[in-house]
N, C-alpha and C. Protein backbone atom coordinates (compact mmCIF):
# COMPACT_ATOMS: atom_id res chain seq x y z
N UNK A 1 84.30 82.23 85.34
CA UNK A 1 85.46 82.68 84.60
C UNK A 1 86.66 81.84 85.05
N UNK A 2 87.37 81.27 84.10
CA UNK A 2 88.53 80.46 84.49
C UNK A 2 89.70 81.30 84.98
N UNK A 3 90.50 80.70 85.87
CA UNK A 3 91.75 81.35 86.26
C UNK A 3 92.59 81.50 85.00
N UNK A 4 93.50 82.42 85.03
CA UNK A 4 94.41 82.71 83.91
C UNK A 4 93.75 83.42 82.75
N UNK A 5 92.51 83.90 82.93
CA UNK A 5 91.89 84.74 81.91
C UNK A 5 92.69 86.03 81.82
N UNK A 6 93.05 86.48 80.61
CA UNK A 6 93.85 87.70 80.49
C UNK A 6 93.15 88.93 81.07
N UNK A 7 93.92 89.75 81.76
CA UNK A 7 93.46 91.05 82.27
C UNK A 7 94.19 92.11 81.47
N UNK A 8 93.41 93.06 80.92
CA UNK A 8 94.00 94.08 80.06
C UNK A 8 93.79 95.48 80.62
N UNK A 9 94.77 96.33 80.35
CA UNK A 9 94.72 97.75 80.66
C UNK A 9 95.13 98.49 79.40
N UNK A 10 94.30 99.40 78.94
CA UNK A 10 94.59 100.13 77.70
C UNK A 10 94.88 99.19 76.54
N UNK A 11 94.19 98.04 76.50
CA UNK A 11 94.34 97.09 75.41
C UNK A 11 95.52 96.16 75.50
N UNK A 12 96.39 96.35 76.50
CA UNK A 12 97.57 95.50 76.68
C UNK A 12 97.37 94.57 77.86
N UNK A 13 97.80 93.31 77.72
CA UNK A 13 97.68 92.37 78.82
C UNK A 13 98.66 92.75 79.93
N UNK A 14 98.10 92.90 81.15
CA UNK A 14 98.91 93.27 82.32
C UNK A 14 98.98 92.15 83.34
N UNK A 15 98.18 91.11 83.13
CA UNK A 15 98.17 90.00 84.07
C UNK A 15 97.07 89.03 83.72
N UNK A 16 96.75 88.17 84.69
CA UNK A 16 95.69 87.18 84.53
C UNK A 16 94.81 87.16 85.76
N UNK A 17 93.57 86.70 85.59
CA UNK A 17 92.65 86.57 86.72
C UNK A 17 93.13 85.44 87.60
N UNK A 18 93.28 85.74 88.87
CA UNK A 18 93.62 84.71 89.86
C UNK A 18 92.37 84.28 90.61
N UNK A 19 91.46 85.25 90.88
CA UNK A 19 90.26 84.95 91.65
C UNK A 19 89.21 86.03 91.43
N UNK A 20 87.95 85.66 91.62
CA UNK A 20 86.83 86.60 91.64
C UNK A 20 86.36 86.71 93.07
N UNK A 21 86.04 87.92 93.52
CA UNK A 21 85.59 88.12 94.90
C UNK A 21 84.17 88.66 94.91
N UNK A 22 83.35 88.09 95.78
CA UNK A 22 81.98 88.53 95.88
C UNK A 22 81.19 87.62 96.78
N UNK A 23 79.89 87.65 96.61
CA UNK A 23 78.99 86.83 97.41
C UNK A 23 77.98 86.17 96.49
N UNK A 24 78.03 84.83 96.43
CA UNK A 24 77.05 84.09 95.63
C UNK A 24 75.65 84.32 96.20
N UNK A 25 75.53 84.26 97.52
CA UNK A 25 74.23 84.38 98.17
C UNK A 25 73.57 85.73 97.90
N UNK A 26 74.36 86.80 97.89
CA UNK A 26 73.82 88.14 97.72
C UNK A 26 73.94 88.64 96.28
N UNK A 27 74.51 87.82 95.38
CA UNK A 27 74.71 88.18 93.98
C UNK A 27 75.45 89.52 93.87
N UNK A 28 76.59 89.58 94.58
CA UNK A 28 77.40 90.81 94.62
C UNK A 28 78.78 90.49 94.09
N UNK A 29 79.32 91.39 93.28
CA UNK A 29 80.67 91.28 92.74
C UNK A 29 81.51 92.37 93.39
N UNK A 30 82.56 91.97 94.12
CA UNK A 30 83.43 92.92 94.82
C UNK A 30 84.64 93.32 93.99
N UNK A 31 85.12 92.42 93.14
CA UNK A 31 86.29 92.72 92.32
C UNK A 31 87.04 91.45 91.97
N UNK A 32 88.27 91.63 91.48
CA UNK A 32 89.08 90.50 91.06
C UNK A 32 90.47 90.58 91.68
N UNK A 33 91.09 89.43 91.84
CA UNK A 33 92.50 89.38 92.20
C UNK A 33 93.25 89.09 90.91
N UNK A 34 94.22 89.95 90.61
CA UNK A 34 94.99 89.84 89.37
C UNK A 34 96.41 89.41 89.70
N UNK A 35 96.87 88.41 88.97
CA UNK A 35 98.28 88.01 89.02
C UNK A 35 98.99 88.89 88.01
N UNK A 36 99.78 89.86 88.49
CA UNK A 36 100.44 90.80 87.59
C UNK A 36 101.50 90.12 86.75
N UNK A 37 101.54 90.48 85.50
CA UNK A 37 102.51 89.91 84.57
C UNK A 37 103.92 90.41 84.84
N UNK A 38 104.05 91.71 85.08
CA UNK A 38 105.37 92.31 85.20
C UNK A 38 106.03 92.09 86.56
N UNK A 39 105.25 92.05 87.63
CA UNK A 39 105.84 91.98 88.96
C UNK A 39 105.66 90.63 89.63
N UNK A 40 104.86 89.76 89.01
CA UNK A 40 104.67 88.42 89.55
C UNK A 40 103.98 88.38 90.90
N UNK A 41 103.21 89.38 91.23
CA UNK A 41 102.49 89.38 92.50
C UNK A 41 101.01 89.58 92.23
N UNK A 42 100.19 89.39 93.27
CA UNK A 42 98.73 89.49 93.12
C UNK A 42 98.23 90.77 93.78
N UNK A 43 97.28 91.42 93.09
CA UNK A 43 96.66 92.63 93.62
C UNK A 43 95.15 92.53 93.48
N UNK A 44 94.44 93.20 94.38
CA UNK A 44 92.98 93.26 94.33
C UNK A 44 92.56 94.48 93.53
N UNK A 45 91.68 94.27 92.55
CA UNK A 45 91.11 95.35 91.75
C UNK A 45 89.63 95.42 92.09
N UNK A 46 89.17 96.52 92.72
CA UNK A 46 87.77 96.65 93.09
C UNK A 46 86.84 96.64 91.87
N UNK A 47 85.61 96.21 92.09
CA UNK A 47 84.62 96.13 91.01
C UNK A 47 84.48 97.45 90.25
N UNK A 48 84.57 98.58 90.93
CA UNK A 48 84.43 99.88 90.27
C UNK A 48 85.52 100.12 89.23
N UNK A 49 86.64 99.42 89.35
CA UNK A 49 87.75 99.57 88.41
C UNK A 49 87.79 98.48 87.35
N UNK A 50 86.79 97.60 87.35
CA UNK A 50 86.68 96.57 86.32
C UNK A 50 85.73 97.11 85.25
N UNK A 51 86.27 97.38 84.07
CA UNK A 51 85.49 98.00 83.00
C UNK A 51 84.66 96.99 82.22
N UNK A 52 85.18 95.77 82.04
CA UNK A 52 84.47 94.75 81.26
C UNK A 52 84.91 93.36 81.69
N UNK A 53 83.91 92.46 81.81
CA UNK A 53 84.16 91.04 82.07
C UNK A 53 83.60 90.28 80.88
N UNK A 54 84.43 89.57 80.15
CA UNK A 54 83.97 88.75 79.03
C UNK A 54 84.48 87.33 79.21
N UNK A 55 84.04 86.44 78.35
CA UNK A 55 84.51 85.06 78.41
C UNK A 55 85.99 84.95 78.05
N UNK A 56 86.50 85.92 77.29
CA UNK A 56 87.88 85.82 76.81
C UNK A 56 88.87 86.71 77.54
N UNK A 57 88.40 87.76 78.23
CA UNK A 57 89.31 88.68 78.90
C UNK A 57 88.57 89.58 79.88
N UNK A 58 89.35 90.30 80.69
CA UNK A 58 88.82 91.32 81.60
C UNK A 58 89.57 92.61 81.30
N UNK A 59 88.82 93.71 81.16
CA UNK A 59 89.42 95.03 80.99
C UNK A 59 89.27 95.80 82.30
N UNK A 60 90.36 96.44 82.72
CA UNK A 60 90.31 97.28 83.91
C UNK A 60 90.55 98.73 83.50
N UNK A 61 90.03 99.64 84.31
CA UNK A 61 90.17 101.07 84.01
C UNK A 61 91.46 101.66 84.57
N UNK A 62 92.21 100.88 85.33
CA UNK A 62 93.47 101.35 85.90
C UNK A 62 94.59 101.17 84.89
N UNK A 63 95.55 102.08 84.90
CA UNK A 63 96.73 101.93 84.04
C UNK A 63 97.65 100.86 84.62
N UNK A 64 98.62 100.43 83.84
CA UNK A 64 99.59 99.46 84.32
C UNK A 64 100.33 100.01 85.55
N UNK A 65 100.65 101.29 85.53
CA UNK A 65 101.32 101.92 86.66
C UNK A 65 100.46 101.94 87.91
N UNK A 66 99.17 102.23 87.73
CA UNK A 66 98.25 102.23 88.87
C UNK A 66 98.09 100.83 89.45
N UNK A 67 98.02 99.82 88.58
CA UNK A 67 97.95 98.44 89.06
C UNK A 67 99.20 98.09 89.86
N UNK A 68 100.36 98.50 89.37
CA UNK A 68 101.60 98.22 90.05
C UNK A 68 101.71 98.90 91.41
N UNK A 69 100.96 99.99 91.60
CA UNK A 69 101.00 100.72 92.88
C UNK A 69 100.05 100.13 93.92
N UNK A 70 99.21 99.16 93.52
CA UNK A 70 98.30 98.53 94.48
C UNK A 70 99.07 97.59 95.39
N UNK A 71 98.58 97.46 96.62
CA UNK A 71 99.19 96.53 97.58
C UNK A 71 98.98 95.09 97.11
N UNK A 72 99.92 94.25 97.45
CA UNK A 72 99.76 92.82 97.19
C UNK A 72 98.68 92.26 98.10
N UNK A 73 97.94 91.26 97.60
CA UNK A 73 96.94 90.59 98.42
C UNK A 73 97.63 89.59 99.32
N UNK A 74 97.03 89.27 100.46
CA UNK A 74 97.62 88.25 101.34
C UNK A 74 97.72 86.93 100.60
N UNK A 75 98.81 86.22 100.75
CA UNK A 75 99.00 84.95 100.05
C UNK A 75 98.08 83.87 100.59
N UNK A 76 97.55 84.05 101.78
CA UNK A 76 96.67 83.04 102.37
C UNK A 76 95.22 83.19 101.91
N UNK A 77 94.90 84.27 101.19
CA UNK A 77 93.52 84.47 100.73
C UNK A 77 93.19 83.42 99.68
N UNK A 78 92.03 82.82 99.80
CA UNK A 78 91.59 81.83 98.82
C UNK A 78 90.19 82.17 98.38
N UNK A 79 89.72 81.49 97.37
CA UNK A 79 88.37 81.73 96.86
C UNK A 79 87.33 81.55 97.95
N UNK A 80 87.43 80.47 98.71
CA UNK A 80 86.41 80.22 99.73
C UNK A 80 86.44 81.29 100.80
N UNK A 81 87.63 81.73 101.19
CA UNK A 81 87.73 82.81 102.17
C UNK A 81 87.10 84.08 101.62
N UNK A 82 87.42 84.42 100.38
CA UNK A 82 86.94 85.67 99.79
C UNK A 82 85.43 85.66 99.62
N UNK A 83 84.86 84.54 99.20
CA UNK A 83 83.41 84.50 99.00
C UNK A 83 82.65 84.49 100.32
N UNK A 84 83.17 83.84 101.33
CA UNK A 84 82.46 83.78 102.61
C UNK A 84 82.64 85.04 103.42
N UNK A 85 83.77 85.71 103.29
CA UNK A 85 84.07 86.84 104.17
C UNK A 85 84.56 88.05 103.38
N UNK A 86 83.72 88.59 102.47
CA UNK A 86 84.20 89.71 101.66
C UNK A 86 84.57 90.94 102.47
N UNK A 87 83.99 91.13 103.65
CA UNK A 87 84.33 92.31 104.45
C UNK A 87 85.79 92.28 104.88
N UNK A 88 86.37 91.08 105.00
CA UNK A 88 87.77 90.98 105.39
C UNK A 88 88.70 91.44 104.28
N UNK A 89 88.17 91.58 103.06
CA UNK A 89 89.00 92.01 101.94
C UNK A 89 89.15 93.53 101.88
N UNK A 90 88.44 94.25 102.75
CA UNK A 90 88.54 95.71 102.74
C UNK A 90 89.98 96.15 102.93
N UNK A 91 90.39 97.15 102.16
CA UNK A 91 91.74 97.67 102.29
C UNK A 91 92.75 97.01 101.39
N UNK A 92 92.41 95.90 100.75
CA UNK A 92 93.37 95.21 99.90
C UNK A 92 93.74 96.02 98.67
N UNK A 93 92.79 96.82 98.16
CA UNK A 93 93.06 97.54 96.93
C UNK A 93 93.54 98.97 97.14
N UNK A 94 93.92 99.31 98.34
CA UNK A 94 94.38 100.67 98.59
C UNK A 94 95.82 100.83 98.13
N UNK A 95 96.11 101.98 97.58
CA UNK A 95 97.45 102.23 97.06
C UNK A 95 98.45 102.38 98.20
N UNK A 96 99.68 101.94 97.94
CA UNK A 96 100.73 101.99 98.96
C UNK A 96 101.16 103.41 99.29
N UNK A 97 100.96 104.36 98.35
CA UNK A 97 101.44 105.72 98.57
C UNK A 97 100.48 106.58 99.35
N UNK A 98 99.39 106.01 99.85
CA UNK A 98 98.43 106.79 100.64
C UNK A 98 98.77 106.77 102.09
């Protein structure tokens, strides 16, 4: 999936795909990093909250407000880091109000 693929919530674009997280070796999908449209920051959306992955877009089950409440991902995270060390990504998608 190319970067900048639209990410939608309730049919409205809320951002773009910045990265996919998982393990090629284990054929596991952990989730996506979304570049939010409204806040200009990146958040991790766990696989359980990804409703659909297509060639043209990604649908998430979280509302725009719920996405906005997610913590920002570390700016130093990269694709190679995420694919090699998915356990280090734990906690990225936790809401700030918890």
